[in-house]
Every structure is written in structure tokens, then in C-alpha cells.
Amino acid sequence: MKSFFKKYHRWAGLILALFLVLFSISGIIMNHRQTFSSFSVDRKFLPDEYTYRHWNLAAVRGTEKIGSDSILLYGTVGIWLTDSTFSRFADFNKGFPKGIDQRKTFKISTTSDRRILAGTLFGLYEYHRSTQQWSSVELPVHEKNVVDMLVKNDSIFVMTRSHLLLTHDLKQFDLLDLPAPAGYDNKVGLFKTLWVIHSGEVYGKIGKLLVDLVALMFIFLAVGGVWMYTGKKKLKKSKLQTSERKQIKKHFQWHFRWHKKAGWIMAILLSITTLTGMFLRPPLLIPIAGSRVGKLPHTELDTPNPWYDMLRRILYLPEQQRYVISTSEAFYYSDDDFRSMKRFDSQPPASVMGVNVLDDMGNNTLCVGSFNGLFAWNYETGTVWDLIDNKPYTAPSSVGKPVGDHKITGFTMHFGNYPFVFDYDKGTRSPFNRDEFPAMPLDMIEKSPLSLWNFSQEVHTGRIYTFLLGPFYILIVPLTGLFGLGLLVSGIILWWKHRRKKQPLSSRS
């Protein structure tokens, strides 16, 4: 039996070593997005799937008209000034910190006094026409990711993933205390719980550093295991000089001793990180996607804010004098200036990653676009119309893949004579569009790099292997996790057997 565990530990370790190192390095980068935000990767070094074509890959989130023939186009490519024909583009990113990640823009709004605001991944910015550049606007919350804005007369609502702020002058901000909706159970999604455990965010910065240590330990064990294997191979060579043989033996013994110690000391944390990571990607994600669990006490999740990390979009319906808020879990409304929050009786199809398009179509109907598709949702009758396939929407009878065939990332009313959508895969080639959108400017926008964080995300989720495995790339994470757990278990068993072997027989009883 020992021979089996020994062989498994050796060969599984050698096969998984590179994957474990890549998962660990990418995980550390993902845990510190702002720290690495100034770094990026040139797309020419990446597989063909990462090349911009027809404004795909979430290049565009939306557009905002700021003059008679001046339109701002924004998204993951930053902010660009264009005209009504979208044929000329000028860089509009001056003032943002270095790095394509710092330019990632979710919303641009113009106020009643013609001020231009941008909500980005790292904060709120105002554009100054005098200096022709953006400057940061300080927000009175720790979380700076501005996901949406709403301008209503002289009121400016700024939404982050956890808070809704109100300001009139961009100097004084009021934090709106959104009440919990009726029937609130003080629970969170199981996916969210596993996510914060996996990243360490469950215990804030200290937790992240602890998970970073786990990642470094994975790298140490993987690299050390490969070194021991190659060192042992070298020792079998008869032509080695005595001094060289002693040196290899010395290094081998050091690695062997610390490989065992590090493995059993960190075994529990290594196992928790591996197990939680397996359930954050399909196919293991699918059965837990809709599950809710109690908040872990004394953690970052244990907050009185019922909207923690849930807020995504906000819309005001003037005819009904109603605010609509979309979250990562459902759609809510308030008819009394946020003194109460009510969940709509019916819910449209929407991705757990959030809604990218939320627009008023009139007649009690909203346009809802996400990675699940584009739909016209009548919130009074509950009927849903698939705008892409032009047919009534029928909810699936069972839990399926977490994304649809049409991954809507952006929307504009400023091009041509019809509404226009941007698809993550197809770009402007969505069957919904009736007009031909101009090509991406090759030298300016199409060559925009991929942020190091996003590249790390592609590695960490296994999507980077799509060019080799196609749709089977989704098996990389669960299989690496499964065999990685076997690697940890076999290592502990070998350590325990080796330890018992060294103990005198009298001490075993």
C-alpha cells in the first residue's frame, strides 16, 4: 500500500507541479488587484481568442453623448472620444493612473451643470475641461469600485458594489442606508462564501496574506518535489564527483526534510484552498449556484449591510416615480426614496456576474442584458421576450450552464437608427444589430493590452487553455483540485508512515 501512495505522490506531483505553480502565482496577483494594476500583457503574446475583433471581449460597456457631435465610448479599453459616425477616435484617458486596469470604466454620466463623471474599477473621476484630464473624487467608503451612477435633476447617485451614495456637489456625500427587503434571511450565497474563503477575503487583509502564504507553500512544495525527483536521478549517475554527490545529497536532504514539515503543517489550509477553488468553476459550480447559507460569524461576511457586494445597477422610472436596483441575486424597487426595498414578484433572466444593460423601454418594460442574453421584461405581467432570438423566453427546466449563448456586455443608443448591443464573443456581430459598426482603430484601441490581473484570472480559471482543449478546459480546475487533494492525502499518509517507522516499538502502544 505504501508503494502505491509513494508512486502516486511522485507522479501526480510531477504532472501537477506546473499547474500548481501557475494557479498559485495567478492567485496571488488576483488577491492584490490594485497593487498589480499598472502591469499588463501584450495581446500578441496570447492565444488568438484574446485578440480584439469587432469590439468583442467587453471592449465597450456603453456610450455617453457630451456634445452635439461628441460621444464618449467606454469599457475595458478605457474612454475614447468619437463622433456620431464612430469613425474618428481620440484618447480620452489623460489623468488616470498608469495601467489598462485603471481605465476600466463601468459608467459615464453628465450632470445637469455639464460635469462629466466616470465610474471606474478603482473609483469616481471627474473630467476637467480646463486641463483636459480626469481627477479622482474622494468617496467616504472603503470600497472604491463604482459600478453605476444615476443623475436625477441635481442629485447624483453613485453606486459601488456594497453602497449607494448621494451627492449634489461631489464634495459632500451621504451614505444611503438601504433597508433590507421584506423576508430578508440574513444569508449569503454559498458561492460567495466559498469565494471569500478561497481568496482569504473572509478575514480581510490578514486573510488574504494567509492565503498568499498558502500559495507560496504550494509553489515551494511543487518546485521542491520536482527538484528532489531530478536530484535523485542525478545521484544514480556513477560519473559524479564526490564533492558534487555530497552537495546534491545535502540539498536533497534539506528539501526532503522541509517538504515533509511544510506539507503536514499546512495540510489543512492547503486542502481548504484546493477544495473551495474546485467549486468556484463549472461543472462543480452549477449545483451550488443557487444555494444560500448563513453568514460566517466574525468575518467580513458578517456585516449588518444586507447589500454587501451585491449592488450592480440603478435606474429611475419617472412615470412611476420608482427606483429599480439590480443585484447579483435579484431585482428590487423602491417607491419611497429608499425607505423600503421590495423584490419584484417576477424576475428576468440575468447572470450572477451582474447586469450590463438596464434600460427603460416604457409600458412597464425594462431592457435587461447580461451574460444570459438580452431580454424585454415586463415587471407587471412577468412576461419576458428574448430580444436576440426574437421569441418568448422559456426558463430552463433544470440548472444549466451559468452563461447563455449571447453574452451581452454593452449597449448604445448613439449609433445608427436603432439600439445597438455588444456581445462578449461576437462583438458587434450580434444578430440583434441592424447596422454595420465601424472597425476598431488598429493602432489605438485594437492593440490595447490585457491587464495582468485579467491575464491571471484567465490562468486561474483555466480559460487560457481553451486554444488547446476547447470547451473541455472547464475540467482543468476540478481535475487539478481532485488530484491535488489526492496528492495532499498521499503525502500525509507517507509522512505518518515514515514517522511511525522512526518511532521505537515501545512508544507505539
Protein backbone atom coordinates (compact mmCIF):
# COMPACT_ATOMS: atom_id res chain seq x y z
CA MET A 1 0.00 0.00 0.00
CA LYS A 2 2.87 2.33 0.81
CA SER A 3 4.30 1.68 -2.63
CA PHE A 4 1.04 2.85 -4.24
CA PHE A 5 0.94 6.11 -2.28
CA LYS A 6 4.61 6.70 -2.98
CA LYS A 7 4.17 6.24 -6.73
CA TYR A 8 1.00 8.33 -6.80
CA HIS A 9 2.63 11.14 -4.83
CA ARG A 10 5.66 11.16 -7.11
CA TRP A 11 3.94 11.04 -10.50
CA ALA A 12 0.89 13.12 -9.62
CA GLY A 13 3.23 15.71 -8.14
CA LEU A 14 5.35 15.86 -11.28
CA ILE A 15 2.29 16.16 -13.54
CA LEU A 16 0.55 18.78 -11.39
CA ALA A 17 3.64 20.82 -10.48
CA LEU A 18 3.36 23.35 -13.32
CA PHE A 19 -0.39 23.77 -12.86
CA LEU A 20 0.01 24.30 -9.10
CA VAL A 21 2.72 26.92 -9.64
CA LEU A 22 0.63 28.78 -12.23
CA PHE A 23 -2.52 28.63 -10.08
CA SER A 24 -0.54 29.94 -7.10
CA ILE A 25 1.18 32.83 -8.85
CA SER A 26 -2.02 33.92 -10.60
CA GLY A 27 -3.93 33.64 -7.32
CA ILE A 28 -1.51 35.95 -5.53
CA ILE A 29 -1.86 38.54 -8.31
CA MET A 30 -5.65 38.29 -8.24
CA ASN A 31 -5.62 38.84 -4.48
CA HIS A 32 -3.94 42.24 -4.92
CA ARG A 33 -5.54 43.80 -7.95
CA GLN A 34 -4.69 47.41 -7.22
CA THR A 35 -1.07 46.56 -6.47
CA PHE A 36 -0.64 44.98 -9.91
CA SER A 37 -3.00 47.34 -11.77
CA SER A 38 -0.18 49.15 -13.60
CA PHE A 39 1.04 45.93 -15.24
CA SER A 40 -0.36 44.50 -18.46
CA VAL A 41 0.28 41.83 -21.09
CA ASP A 42 0.56 42.50 -24.81
CA ARG A 43 -2.18 40.56 -26.60
CA LYS A 44 0.20 39.49 -29.38
CA PHE A 45 1.76 37.04 -26.91
CA LEU A 46 -1.62 35.47 -26.09
CA PRO A 47 -3.73 32.86 -27.91
CA ASP A 48 -5.90 34.05 -30.77
CA GLU A 49 -9.01 34.04 -28.56
CA TYR A 50 -7.70 37.13 -26.78
CA THR A 51 -7.46 39.29 -29.89
CA TYR A 52 -9.93 42.15 -30.21
CA ARG A 53 -12.26 41.71 -33.19
CA HIS A 54 -15.36 43.79 -33.88
CA TRP A 55 -15.32 45.31 -30.38
CA ASN A 56 -15.62 41.96 -28.58
CA LEU A 57 -14.20 40.85 -25.18
CA ALA A 58 -16.20 43.50 -23.27
CA ALA A 59 -14.34 46.30 -25.06
CA VAL A 60 -17.45 48.52 -24.81
CA ARG A 61 -19.79 48.94 -21.85
CA GLY A 62 -21.67 51.97 -23.11
CA THR A 63 -21.60 55.46 -24.63
CA GLU A 64 -22.41 58.96 -23.39
CA LYS A 65 -23.17 61.99 -25.54
CA ILE A 66 -21.36 65.09 -24.26
CA GLY A 67 -21.87 67.46 -27.21
CA SER A 68 -23.72 67.92 -30.47
CA ASP A 69 -21.29 65.58 -32.23
CA SER A 70 -19.14 64.36 -29.34
CA ILE A 71 -19.65 60.90 -27.85
CA LEU A 72 -17.62 59.08 -25.23
CA LEU A 73 -17.24 55.32 -25.74
CA TYR A 74 -16.11 53.42 -22.64
CA GLY A 75 -15.43 49.93 -21.31
CA THR A 76 -12.40 47.73 -20.68
CA VAL A 77 -10.48 49.70 -23.33
CA GLY A 78 -10.87 52.87 -21.29
CA ILE A 79 -12.56 56.03 -22.56
CA TRP A 80 -12.40 57.30 -26.15
CA LEU A 81 -13.87 60.41 -27.75
CA THR A 82 -15.67 59.84 -31.05
CA ASP A 83 -18.37 61.36 -33.26
CA SER A 84 -21.85 60.22 -34.28
CA THR A 85 -20.41 58.02 -37.05
CA PHE A 86 -17.91 56.34 -34.69
CA SER A 87 -15.27 56.76 -37.39
CA ARG A 88 -12.76 59.01 -35.59
CA PHE A 89 -11.35 58.28 -32.13
CA ALA A 90 -9.21 60.26 -29.72
CA ASP A 91 -7.69 59.08 -26.44
CA PHE A 92 -9.72 60.44 -23.52
CA ASN A 93 -7.84 58.76 -20.65
CA LYS A 94 -5.48 61.52 -19.53
CA GLY A 95 -5.38 61.75 -15.74
CA PHE A 96 -5.98 58.09 -14.97
CA PRO A 97 -3.17 56.22 -13.20
CA LYS A 98 -0.92 54.01 -15.31
CA GLY A 99 -2.33 50.65 -16.43
CA ILE A 100 -5.24 49.46 -18.58
CA ASP A 101 -6.95 48.13 -15.43
CA GLN A 102 -7.10 51.67 -14.04
CA ARG A 103 -9.07 52.71 -17.12
CA LYS A 104 -11.77 50.04 -16.83
CA THR A 105 -14.95 52.12 -16.86
CA PHE A 106 -18.44 50.94 -15.91
CA LYS A 107 -20.39 54.17 -16.33
CA ILE A 108 -20.08 57.73 -17.62
CA SER A 109 -22.70 60.32 -16.72
CA THR A 110 -23.16 64.04 -17.39
CA THR A 111 -24.73 66.19 -14.70
CA SER A 112 -27.29 68.97 -15.07
CA ASP A 113 -24.44 71.53 -14.99
CA ARG A 114 -22.49 69.65 -17.75
CA ARG A 115 -19.93 67.99 -15.47
CA ILE A 116 -18.62 64.69 -16.80
CA LEU A 117 -18.22 61.82 -14.34
CA ALA A 118 -16.70 58.36 -14.79
CA GLY A 119 -17.27 55.40 -12.53
CA THR A 120 -14.29 53.05 -12.79
CA LEU A 121 -12.98 49.89 -11.20
CA PHE A 122 -10.90 51.97 -8.79
CA GLY A 123 -13.08 54.96 -8.08
CA LEU A 124 -15.06 58.01 -9.20
CA TYR A 125 -13.47 60.55 -11.53
CA GLU A 126 -14.45 64.00 -12.81
CA TYR A 127 -13.28 65.41 -16.15
CA HIS A 128 -11.96 68.98 -16.11
CA ARG A 129 -12.28 70.75 -19.44
CA SER A 130 -9.73 73.37 -18.45
CA THR A 131 -6.92 70.84 -18.00
CA GLN A 132 -8.47 68.21 -20.32
CA GLN A 133 -7.90 65.40 -17.87
CA TRP A 134 -9.61 63.33 -15.19
CA SER A 135 -9.13 63.75 -11.45
CA SER A 136 -10.17 61.44 -8.65
CA VAL A 137 -13.19 62.25 -6.47
CA GLU A 138 -12.83 61.02 -2.91
CA LEU A 139 -15.61 58.70 -1.70
CA PRO A 140 -16.38 58.21 2.02
CA VAL A 141 -16.35 54.39 1.74
CA HIS A 142 -13.54 51.87 1.79
CA GLU A 143 -14.76 50.19 -1.38
CA LYS A 144 -13.99 52.29 -4.47
CA ASN A 145 -15.37 50.15 -7.33
CA VAL A 146 -18.09 52.34 -8.87
CA VAL A 147 -20.43 50.06 -10.83
CA ASP A 148 -23.12 52.60 -11.80
CA MET A 149 -24.33 56.18 -11.48
CA LEU A 150 -27.68 57.92 -11.79
CA VAL A 151 -28.25 61.62 -12.36
CA LYS A 152 -31.70 62.87 -11.32
CA ASN A 153 -32.09 66.65 -11.52
CA ASP A 154 -29.32 68.00 -9.29
CA SER A 155 -28.93 64.69 -7.41
CA ILE A 156 -26.09 62.32 -8.28
CA PHE A 157 -26.34 58.73 -7.08
CA VAL A 158 -23.06 56.80 -7.01
CA MET A 159 -23.29 53.04 -6.63
CA THR A 160 -20.47 50.76 -5.53
CA ARG A 161 -20.86 47.02 -5.09
CA SER A 162 -21.95 47.49 -1.47
CA HIS A 163 -23.15 51.10 -1.04
CA LEU A 164 -25.34 53.77 -2.60
CA LEU A 165 -24.12 57.35 -2.15
CA LEU A 166 -25.92 60.63 -2.83
CA THR A 167 -24.23 63.94 -3.61
CA HIS A 168 -25.14 67.29 -5.12
CA ASP A 169 -21.70 68.89 -5.39
CA LEU A 170 -19.21 65.96 -5.47
CA LYS A 171 -17.80 67.21 -2.17
CA GLN A 172 -20.33 66.11 0.40
CA PHE A 173 -21.60 62.53 0.05
CA ASP A 174 -24.45 60.99 2.02
CA LEU A 175 -24.34 57.24 2.55
CA LEU A 176 -27.87 55.95 1.93
CA ASP A 177 -28.78 53.22 4.37
CA LEU A 178 -30.71 50.87 2.08
CA PRO A 179 -33.11 48.83 4.22
CA ALA A 180 -33.25 45.07 3.97
CA PRO A 181 -36.04 43.79 1.71
CA ALA A 182 -39.07 42.01 3.12
CA GLY A 183 -38.28 38.43 4.06
CA TYR A 184 -34.54 39.04 4.26
CA ASP A 185 -32.99 35.91 5.81
CA ASN A 186 -29.52 37.30 6.62
CA LYS A 187 -27.94 34.63 4.42
CA VAL A 188 -25.46 34.82 1.55
CA GLY A 189 -24.86 32.65 -1.47
CA LEU A 190 -22.75 29.56 -0.94
CA PHE A 191 -20.71 30.61 -3.97
CA LYS A 192 -19.86 33.94 -2.32
CA THR A 193 -18.92 32.17 0.91
CA LEU A 194 -16.57 29.77 -0.87
CA TRP A 195 -15.14 32.67 -2.90
CA VAL A 196 -14.09 34.73 0.14
CA ILE A 197 -12.71 31.64 1.88
CA HIS A 198 -10.68 30.72 -1.20
CA SER A 199 -9.26 34.25 -1.56
CA GLY A 200 -8.83 34.80 2.18
CA GLU A 201 -11.04 37.89 1.97
CA VAL A 202 -13.24 36.29 4.61
CA TYR A 203 -10.79 37.74 7.17
CA GLY A 204 -9.87 40.89 5.28
CA LYS A 205 -6.25 41.79 4.53
CA ILE A 206 -4.92 39.33 7.10
CA GLY A 207 -6.88 36.53 5.46
CA LYS A 208 -5.56 37.45 2.01
CA LEU A 209 -1.98 37.39 3.27
CA LEU A 210 -2.61 33.99 4.83
CA VAL A 211 -3.87 32.63 1.51
CA ASP A 212 -0.84 34.21 -0.19
CA LEU A 213 1.28 32.16 2.22
CA VAL A 214 -0.66 29.05 1.20
CA ALA A 215 0.05 29.85 -2.45
CA LEU A 216 3.76 30.29 -1.71
CA MET A 217 3.70 26.95 0.10
CA PHE A 218 2.15 25.29 -2.98
CA ILE A 219 4.98 26.73 -5.07
CA PHE A 220 7.61 25.56 -2.54
CA LEU A 221 6.18 22.04 -2.41
CA ALA A 222 5.78 21.77 -6.20
CA VAL A 223 9.23 23.12 -7.07
CA GLY A 224 10.85 21.20 -4.22
CA GLY A 225 9.18 17.96 -5.31
CA VAL A 226 10.46 18.36 -8.87
CA TRP A 227 13.95 19.18 -7.57
CA MET A 228 14.01 16.06 -5.38
CA TYR A 229 12.98 13.90 -8.32
CA THR A 230 15.71 15.31 -10.59
CA GLY A 231 18.25 15.23 -7.73
CA LYS A 232 17.58 11.58 -7.11
CA LYS A 233 18.06 10.88 -10.81
CA LYS A 234 21.43 12.65 -10.72
CA LEU A 235 22.59 10.63 -7.70
CA LYS A 236 22.17 7.43 -9.69
CA LYS A 237 24.82 8.56 -12.15
CA SER A 238 28.16 6.85 -11.49
CA LYS A 239 30.27 9.62 -13.09
CA LEU A 240 29.50 12.22 -10.40
CA GLN A 241 32.45 13.56 -8.45
CA THR A 242 32.44 13.01 -4.69
CA SER A 243 32.05 16.71 -3.89
CA GLU A 244 29.19 17.07 -6.35
CA ARG A 245 27.47 13.98 -4.96
CA LYS A 246 27.74 15.35 -1.41
CA GLN A 247 26.32 18.68 -2.49
CA ILE A 248 23.32 17.08 -4.19
CA LYS A 249 22.72 14.84 -1.15
CA LYS A 250 22.85 17.85 1.14
CA HIS A 251 20.29 19.76 -0.93
CA PHE A 252 18.13 16.65 -1.30
CA GLN A 253 18.03 16.07 2.46
CA TRP A 254 17.16 19.73 3.11
CA HIS A 255 14.30 19.67 0.58
CA PHE A 256 13.08 16.30 1.83
CA ARG A 257 13.03 17.44 5.46
CA TRP A 258 11.19 20.72 4.77
CA HIS A 259 8.91 19.17 2.15
CA LYS A 260 7.56 16.86 4.86
CA LYS A 261 7.32 19.54 7.54
CA ALA A 262 5.68 22.13 5.33
CA GLY A 263 3.26 19.56 3.95
CA TRP A 264 1.85 18.33 7.24
CA ILE A 265 1.92 21.73 8.98
CA MET A 266 -0.02 23.41 6.16
CA ALA A 267 -2.11 20.40 5.16
CA ILE A 268 -5.44 21.75 6.42
CA LEU A 269 -5.03 25.19 4.79
CA LEU A 270 -3.77 23.62 1.57
CA SER A 271 -6.79 21.30 1.49
CA ILE A 272 -9.31 24.10 2.23
CA THR A 273 -7.87 26.30 -0.52
CA THR A 274 -7.95 23.42 -3.00
CA LEU A 275 -11.46 22.26 -2.13
CA THR A 276 -13.05 25.71 -2.21
CA GLY A 277 -11.38 26.51 -5.53
CA MET A 278 -12.88 23.42 -7.15
CA PHE A 279 -16.43 24.70 -6.54
CA LEU A 280 -15.87 28.17 -7.98
CA ARG A 281 -15.85 26.96 -11.58
CA PRO A 282 -18.17 24.75 -13.64
CA PRO A 283 -19.07 21.96 -13.53
CA LEU A 284 -18.96 21.84 -9.69
CA LEU A 285 -20.24 25.43 -9.52
CA ILE A 286 -23.56 24.54 -11.14
CA PRO A 287 -25.12 22.50 -8.28
CA ILE A 288 -24.23 25.14 -5.65
CA ALA A 289 -25.01 28.28 -7.68
CA GLY A 290 -28.43 28.85 -6.10
CA SER A 291 -27.62 27.69 -2.56
CA ARG A 292 -27.70 30.10 0.39
CA VAL A 293 -26.04 29.66 3.75
CA GLY A 294 -25.77 31.59 6.98
CA LYS A 295 -23.09 34.26 7.27
CA LEU A 296 -19.88 33.07 8.87
CA PRO A 297 -19.71 34.84 12.25
CA HIS A 298 -16.90 37.32 12.96
CA THR A 299 -15.87 37.51 9.30
CA GLU A 300 -16.10 40.09 6.51
CA LEU A 301 -19.41 38.47 5.52
CA ASP A 302 -20.85 39.06 8.98
CA THR A 303 -21.95 42.61 8.22
CA PRO A 304 -25.24 44.38 9.02
CA ASN A 305 -25.29 45.65 5.42
CA PRO A 306 -27.78 43.38 3.61
CA TRP A 307 -26.43 44.57 0.24
CA TYR A 308 -22.76 43.75 0.85
CA ASP A 309 -21.04 43.09 -2.52
CA MET A 310 -24.43 42.69 -4.23
CA LEU A 311 -25.29 46.01 -5.90
CA ARG A 312 -24.85 46.22 -9.69
CA ARG A 313 -27.15 48.74 -11.49
CA ILE A 314 -29.62 51.52 -10.65
CA LEU A 315 -32.41 53.04 -12.79
CA TYR A 316 -35.11 55.63 -12.18
CA LEU A 317 -38.56 55.37 -13.78
CA PRO A 318 -40.02 58.92 -13.78
CA GLU A 319 -43.58 57.92 -14.71
CA GLN A 320 -43.84 55.54 -11.77
CA GLN A 321 -41.50 57.63 -9.58
CA ARG A 322 -39.73 54.37 -8.88
CA TYR A 323 -36.10 53.37 -8.40
CA VAL A 324 -35.02 49.99 -9.73
CA ILE A 325 -31.90 48.30 -8.39
CA SER A 326 -30.38 45.12 -9.80
CA THR A 327 -28.16 42.99 -7.61
CA SER A 328 -26.18 39.81 -8.10
CA GLU A 329 -29.20 37.87 -6.83
CA ALA A 330 -32.41 39.69 -7.86
CA PHE A 331 -34.15 42.91 -8.93
CA TYR A 332 -35.67 45.28 -6.36
CA TYR A 333 -37.59 48.54 -6.42
CA SER A 334 -38.34 51.46 -4.12
CA ASP A 335 -41.29 53.81 -4.47
CA ASP A 336 -40.49 55.86 -1.36
CA ASP A 337 -36.93 57.19 -1.83
CA PHE A 338 -35.28 54.07 -0.43
CA ARG A 339 -37.23 53.95 2.82
CA SER A 340 -38.22 50.45 1.76
CA MET A 341 -36.87 47.95 -0.77
CA LYS A 342 -39.18 45.40 -2.37
CA ARG A 343 -38.34 42.44 -4.53
CA PHE A 344 -40.19 42.20 -7.85
CA ASP A 345 -42.69 39.33 -7.91
CA SER A 346 -41.25 38.18 -11.22
CA GLN A 347 -37.55 38.15 -12.14
CA PRO A 348 -35.90 38.33 -15.56
CA PRO A 349 -33.06 36.01 -16.61
CA ALA A 350 -29.78 37.60 -15.51
CA SER A 351 -26.25 36.39 -14.95
CA VAL A 352 -24.90 36.01 -11.40
CA MET A 353 -22.00 38.15 -12.62
CA GLY A 354 -24.37 41.10 -12.86
CA VAL A 355 -26.40 43.06 -15.39
CA ASN A 356 -24.56 45.07 -18.04
CA VAL A 357 -27.64 46.63 -19.64
CA LEU A 358 -30.61 48.06 -17.75
CA ASP A 359 -32.81 50.49 -19.65
CA ASP A 360 -36.41 51.70 -19.57
CA MET A 361 -38.41 50.67 -22.65
CA GLY A 362 -41.71 52.16 -21.40
CA ASN A 363 -45.02 50.34 -20.82
CA ASN A 364 -43.73 48.75 -17.59
CA THR A 365 -40.95 47.05 -19.55
CA LEU A 366 -37.20 47.03 -18.93
CA CYS A 367 -34.40 46.00 -21.25
CA VAL A 368 -32.10 43.64 -19.33
CA GLY A 369 -28.80 42.48 -20.76
CA SER A 370 -26.16 40.21 -19.21
CA PHE A 371 -24.14 37.11 -19.99
CA ASN A 372 -27.50 35.32 -20.10
CA GLY A 373 -28.72 37.32 -23.10
CA LEU A 374 -30.84 40.39 -23.87
CA PHE A 375 -34.48 40.48 -22.80
CA ALA A 376 -37.52 42.73 -22.63
CA TRP A 377 -39.02 42.16 -19.18
CA ASN A 378 -42.49 43.38 -18.23
CA TYR A 379 -42.21 43.59 -14.45
CA GLU A 380 -46.00 43.92 -14.04
CA THR A 381 -47.08 40.85 -16.02
CA GLY A 382 -43.85 38.88 -15.61
CA THR A 383 -43.56 38.16 -19.35
CA VAL A 384 -40.07 38.02 -20.86
CA TRP A 385 -39.18 38.37 -24.54
CA ASP A 386 -35.85 37.22 -25.93
CA LEU A 387 -34.69 40.22 -28.00
CA ILE A 388 -31.80 38.39 -29.67
CA ASP A 389 -33.65 35.29 -30.86
CA ASN A 390 -36.92 37.25 -31.17
CA LYS A 391 -39.14 34.82 -29.31
CA PRO A 392 -40.78 34.39 -25.89
CA TYR A 393 -38.30 33.36 -23.23
CA THR A 394 -38.80 29.96 -21.62
CA ALA A 395 -36.99 29.30 -18.38
CA PRO A 396 -34.89 26.10 -18.41
CA SER A 397 -36.43 23.16 -16.56
CA SER A 398 -33.15 22.36 -14.80
CA VAL A 399 -29.97 24.12 -13.76
CA GLY A 400 -27.70 24.51 -16.78
CA LYS A 401 -24.56 26.40 -17.71
CA PRO A 402 -24.14 29.76 -15.92
CA VAL A 403 -23.98 31.77 -19.17
CA GLY A 404 -26.17 31.92 -22.26
CA ASP A 405 -25.49 31.82 -25.98
CA HIS A 406 -25.47 35.62 -26.15
CA LYS A 407 -23.14 37.33 -23.67
CA ILE A 408 -24.20 40.96 -23.69
CA THR A 409 -21.52 43.30 -22.35
CA GLY A 410 -22.58 46.71 -23.63
CA PHE A 411 -25.29 48.84 -25.21
CA THR A 412 -25.61 52.15 -27.06
CA MET A 413 -28.39 54.33 -28.41
CA HIS A 414 -25.95 56.71 -30.08
CA PHE A 415 -25.14 54.80 -33.27
CA GLY A 416 -27.39 54.47 -36.30
CA ASN A 417 -31.15 54.46 -36.10
CA TYR A 418 -31.61 51.50 -33.75
CA PRO A 419 -30.38 50.30 -30.36
CA PHE A 420 -27.03 48.54 -30.64
CA VAL A 421 -25.53 45.81 -28.42
CA PHE A 422 -22.02 44.46 -27.90
CA ASP A 423 -21.52 40.72 -27.38
CA TYR A 424 -18.52 39.32 -25.49
CA ASP A 425 -17.80 36.67 -28.15
CA LYS A 426 -19.33 38.19 -31.28
CA GLY A 427 -18.65 41.84 -30.56
CA THR A 428 -20.77 43.94 -32.92
CA ARG A 429 -21.75 40.85 -34.93
CA SER A 430 -24.77 40.12 -32.76
CA PRO A 431 -27.88 39.21 -34.79
CA PHE A 432 -29.71 41.90 -32.80
CA ASN A 433 -27.82 44.71 -34.55
CA ARG A 434 -29.21 46.13 -37.80
CA ASP A 435 -26.34 48.46 -38.71
CA GLU A 436 -22.69 47.81 -39.52
CA PHE A 437 -20.45 49.20 -36.80
CA PRO A 438 -17.07 50.74 -37.83
CA ALA A 439 -13.95 48.64 -37.25
CA MET A 440 -11.77 49.12 -34.17
CA PRO A 441 -8.90 51.56 -34.81
CA LEU A 442 -5.93 49.20 -35.13
CA ASP A 443 -3.17 51.44 -33.81
CA MET A 444 -5.15 52.88 -30.89
CA ILE A 445 -7.84 50.64 -29.45
CA GLU A 446 -7.43 47.21 -31.01
CA LYS A 447 -3.90 46.91 -29.63
CA SER A 448 -5.00 47.70 -26.07
CA PRO A 449 -3.22 45.24 -23.77
CA LEU A 450 -4.78 42.81 -21.32
CA SER A 451 -4.30 43.74 -17.68
CA LEU A 452 -2.06 41.43 -15.69
CA TRP A 453 -4.98 40.81 -13.32
CA ASN A 454 -7.25 39.69 -16.15
CA PHE A 455 -4.48 37.52 -17.59
CA SER A 456 -4.03 35.93 -14.17
CA GLN A 457 -7.79 35.35 -14.00
CA GLU A 458 -7.64 33.51 -17.33
CA VAL A 459 -4.85 31.31 -15.97
CA HIS A 460 -6.54 30.77 -12.61
CA THR A 461 -9.86 29.74 -14.16
CA GLY A 462 -8.23 27.54 -16.80
CA ARG A 463 -9.68 29.55 -19.69
CA ILE A 464 -6.17 30.18 -21.01
CA TYR A 465 -6.11 26.53 -22.15
CA THR A 466 -9.15 26.94 -24.42
CA PHE A 467 -6.96 27.08 -27.53
CA LEU A 468 -5.70 23.56 -26.68
CA LEU A 469 -8.73 21.88 -25.09
CA GLY A 470 -11.72 23.80 -26.44
CA PRO A 471 -14.75 23.56 -24.13
CA PHE A 472 -13.04 20.81 -22.11
CA TYR A 473 -10.89 23.47 -20.46
CA ILE A 474 -13.52 23.58 -17.70
CA LEU A 475 -12.15 20.24 -16.46
CA ILE A 476 -8.74 21.75 -15.65
CA VAL A 477 -9.79 23.27 -12.31
CA PRO A 478 -11.83 20.33 -10.90
CA LEU A 479 -9.33 17.69 -12.04
CA THR A 480 -6.35 19.62 -10.72
CA GLY A 481 -8.22 20.08 -7.46
CA LEU A 482 -9.23 16.43 -7.23
CA PHE A 483 -5.77 15.04 -7.94
CA GLY A 484 -4.25 17.80 -5.82
CA LEU A 485 -6.31 16.64 -2.82
CA GLY A 486 -5.09 13.10 -3.53
CA LEU A 487 -1.56 14.47 -3.57
CA LEU A 488 -2.03 16.05 -0.14
CA VAL A 489 -3.65 12.92 1.32
CA SER A 490 -0.94 10.62 -0.04
CA GLY A 491 1.76 12.96 1.30
CA ILE A 492 0.25 12.95 4.79
CA ILE A 493 -0.03 9.14 4.75
CA LEU A 494 3.61 8.80 3.69
CA TRP A 495 4.68 11.28 6.37
CA TRP A 496 2.73 9.40 9.04
CA LYS A 497 4.16 6.01 8.00
CA HIS A 498 7.70 7.44 7.92
CA ARG A 499 7.18 8.97 11.35
CA ARG A 500 5.89 5.70 12.85
CA LYS A 501 8.79 3.82 11.32
CA LYS A 502 11.25 6.09 13.14
CA GLN A 503 9.48 5.66 16.50
CA PRO A 504 10.65 2.86 18.84
CA LEU A 505 8.20 -0.03 19.15
CA SER A 506 7.59 0.72 22.86
CA SER A 507 6.24 4.20 22.09
CA ARG A 508 3.65 2.98 19.55
CA SER A 509 1.42 1.24 22.04
